[in-house]
């Protein structure tokens, strides 16, 4: 434990430099065209073949908004416009933070990038809930559709805690 620190860190034995390992930031969008939401079917693991929102790891030297827009382009070949911060999830058991923006799809144009098998627009009634890739996507879409009924979209922050599943 380096002096002045409150936890163990990786320290170079030769020069004493501290090598910090910090959480990864996932950035993404809830893209809409009219009343429909654009989802991507994953072409990569984890959750290959499941539906999700366009999202991925933030890169160095970009803002969360820039990263979310980039991920939307990479996964859905769509330009994000009218972006507005919407949701933050802390996921400490896997050292990740998720930051999502609401946005519209520019010119209603989209496609499938290299990390997507396909993309599609879904009405709320047609969302493939049992085929969504991640619990945060289920929670976020549920909140989004509830918020859309009132047209009030508060920025929410919550923590996803790991829970071991019981053997059945």
Foldseek 3Di string as FASTA:
>chain_A
DDPPDDDDFDADPPPRDTDDDAFWEKAAEQEDDVQWTKWFQFCDDDLHRFIFGQMDTDDPPDDSVVRHQVSCCQAKVFGWPPWDWFEWEAEPVRRYIYTYIYTYTPPPDTFGHPGGPTMDIDHPVRPPLVRHRDPVRNVVVVVVVVCVVVVDGDYDYYYDYDDDDDDD
